[in-house]
Structures are given as C-alpha cells and as structure tokens.
Amino acid sequence: MTYHVFVKNRAIRDIERNSQWWAEHHSTSQALRWHEAAFEAIYKLDTFPDSHPIADENDAFSYEIRELHFGTGSRPTHRAIFIIKGDEVHVLTVRSAAQHSIAPDDLD
C-alpha cells in the first residue's frame, strides 16, 4: 500500500528553523543538505510508515503517534513525529533528538 504524505505547517516551520540554524552555525551547504535530507526522509513514509516506532510520548495522546529518526550523518539527529490515518501520513512536527518530550498542547 502506498500512503499519501502530508507535512503540516508546523513541521515545515520546524524544518525551516533548523535549516536556518545550520546555516548560521555551520554552513549554508550543510543547511541545504540537511533540509533536503529531512524532506527526503519524510516522503519515504509513503511506504511502511507503521514500521517506525511508536513515540515514547504516545501514552499522553488520545491517538497513536510514531516517530521517524533521521539525520545527514551516521547518527540520527532529529525525529519527525507523525500519525497514520487510513492511507495518509501526517507529519506533525520535526524536533531535535535532544529536545524534551512533546505533549498534546505542543502540537496546537
């Protein structure tokens, strides 16, 4: 089954903010590489999104949330939090792996 992947506005803003940080603290080329890697990883959720783990914060939500770990190196630096609804995947937010856990109020 192929899923339709939708990236919510908040997740897009998260990616843009992280790309800007990379550009300011590393280099523009690294920022562009990270930006492309983020979207590439997210759009691969069109196949087998349920193979990704349920997020640690799942119990705090009234619906199931999963996470996709990704990064440009050998170690994932970020995670995309997403839900599966029928044949759709909705990416809600993208966070640094070092950030604190999310709560339902964080996604409003």
Protein backbone atom coordinates (compact mmCIF):
# COMPACT_ATOMS: atom_id res chain seq x y z
CA MET A 1 0.00 0.00 0.00
CA THR A 2 1.22 3.48 -0.82
CA TYR A 3 0.38 6.28 1.61
CA HIS A 4 -0.13 9.97 0.90
CA VAL A 5 2.28 12.04 3.00
CA PHE A 6 1.18 15.45 4.27
CA VAL A 7 3.63 17.73 6.06
CA LYS A 8 1.79 20.06 8.41
CA ASN A 9 2.70 23.76 8.55
CA ARG A 10 4.30 23.38 11.96
CA ALA A 11 6.62 20.64 10.66
CA ILE A 12 7.58 22.82 7.68
CA ARG A 13 8.37 25.71 10.04
CA ASP A 14 10.43 23.34 12.20
CA ILE A 15 12.47 22.24 9.17
CA GLU A 16 12.97 25.83 8.03
CA ARG A 17 14.04 26.92 11.54
CA ASN A 18 16.52 24.03 11.82
CA SER A 19 17.90 24.76 8.35
CA GLN A 20 18.43 28.39 9.34
CA TRP A 21 20.26 27.28 12.48
CA TRP A 22 22.55 25.02 10.40
CA ALA A 23 23.29 27.90 8.03
CA GLU A 24 24.16 30.23 10.91
CA HIS A 25 26.21 27.75 12.98
CA HIS A 26 27.77 25.52 10.32
CA SER A 27 27.45 26.37 6.65
CA THR A 28 24.86 27.10 4.02
CA SER A 29 25.78 23.97 2.11
CA GLN A 30 25.27 21.82 5.23
CA ALA A 31 21.95 23.57 5.85
CA LEU A 32 20.79 22.78 2.32
CA ARG A 33 21.93 19.18 2.65
CA TRP A 34 20.09 18.80 5.96
CA HIS A 35 16.94 20.45 4.51
CA GLU A 36 16.91 18.04 1.56
CA ALA A 37 17.62 15.05 3.81
CA ALA A 38 14.72 15.99 6.09
CA PHE A 39 12.17 16.09 3.29
CA GLU A 40 13.63 13.01 1.61
CA ALA A 41 13.28 11.01 4.83
CA ILE A 42 9.76 12.30 5.46
CA TYR A 43 8.46 11.50 1.99
CA LYS A 44 9.78 7.95 2.31
CA LEU A 45 6.98 7.48 4.84
CA ASP A 46 4.79 6.78 1.81
CA THR A 47 5.71 3.12 2.25
CA PHE A 48 5.54 1.16 5.50
CA PRO A 49 5.07 4.09 7.92
CA ASP A 50 3.87 1.65 10.56
CA SER A 51 7.33 0.06 10.61
CA HIS A 52 8.59 3.11 12.53
CA PRO A 53 8.41 3.04 16.32
CA ILE A 54 5.63 4.44 18.42
CA ALA A 55 6.90 7.61 20.09
CA ASP A 56 7.77 7.46 23.79
CA GLU A 57 5.18 10.19 24.44
CA ASN A 58 2.37 8.16 22.86
CA ASP A 59 0.58 7.46 26.15
CA ALA A 60 -0.07 11.19 26.64
CA PHE A 61 -2.06 11.39 23.40
CA SER A 62 -5.57 10.23 22.51
CA TYR A 63 -4.26 8.94 19.17
CA GLU A 64 -1.20 6.95 18.15
CA ILE A 65 1.93 8.95 17.36
CA ARG A 66 5.02 7.49 15.73
CA GLU A 67 8.48 8.83 15.09
CA LEU A 68 10.92 8.75 12.22
CA HIS A 69 14.59 9.22 13.14
CA PHE A 70 16.85 10.85 10.55
CA GLY A 71 19.96 12.95 10.03
CA THR A 72 22.69 13.56 7.48
CA GLY A 73 25.37 11.53 9.21
CA SER A 74 25.60 8.05 10.62
CA ARG A 75 23.68 9.05 13.76
CA PRO A 76 20.12 10.40 13.63
CA THR A 77 19.93 13.96 14.95
CA HIS A 78 16.22 14.64 14.50
CA ARG A 79 12.86 12.96 14.64
CA ALA A 80 9.66 13.58 12.75
CA ILE A 81 6.52 12.95 14.79
CA PHE A 82 3.65 11.64 12.68
CA ILE A 83 0.27 9.94 12.70
CA ILE A 84 -1.27 7.47 10.30
CA LYS A 85 -4.91 7.98 9.26
CA GLY A 86 -6.12 5.39 6.80
CA ASP A 87 -3.92 5.80 3.73
CA GLU A 88 -2.50 9.14 4.91
CA VAL A 89 0.58 10.02 6.93
CA HIS A 90 0.52 13.42 8.66
CA VAL A 91 3.88 14.73 9.85
CA LEU A 92 3.06 16.96 12.82
CA THR A 93 6.43 18.29 13.94
CA VAL A 94 10.17 17.83 13.47
CA ARG A 95 12.35 18.04 16.56
CA SER A 96 15.96 17.65 17.51
CA ALA A 97 16.56 14.27 19.10
CA ALA A 98 17.91 16.17 22.14
CA GLN A 99 14.71 18.17 22.69
CA HIS A 100 12.40 17.35 25.58
CA SER A 101 9.36 15.15 25.10
CA ILE A 102 6.27 16.59 23.45
CA ALA A 103 2.81 16.91 24.94
CA PRO A 104 -0.53 17.25 23.16
CA ASP A 105 -0.54 21.01 23.90
CA ASP A 106 2.75 21.36 21.99
CA LEU A 107 1.02 20.43 18.75
CA ASP A 108 -1.72 23.08 18.80
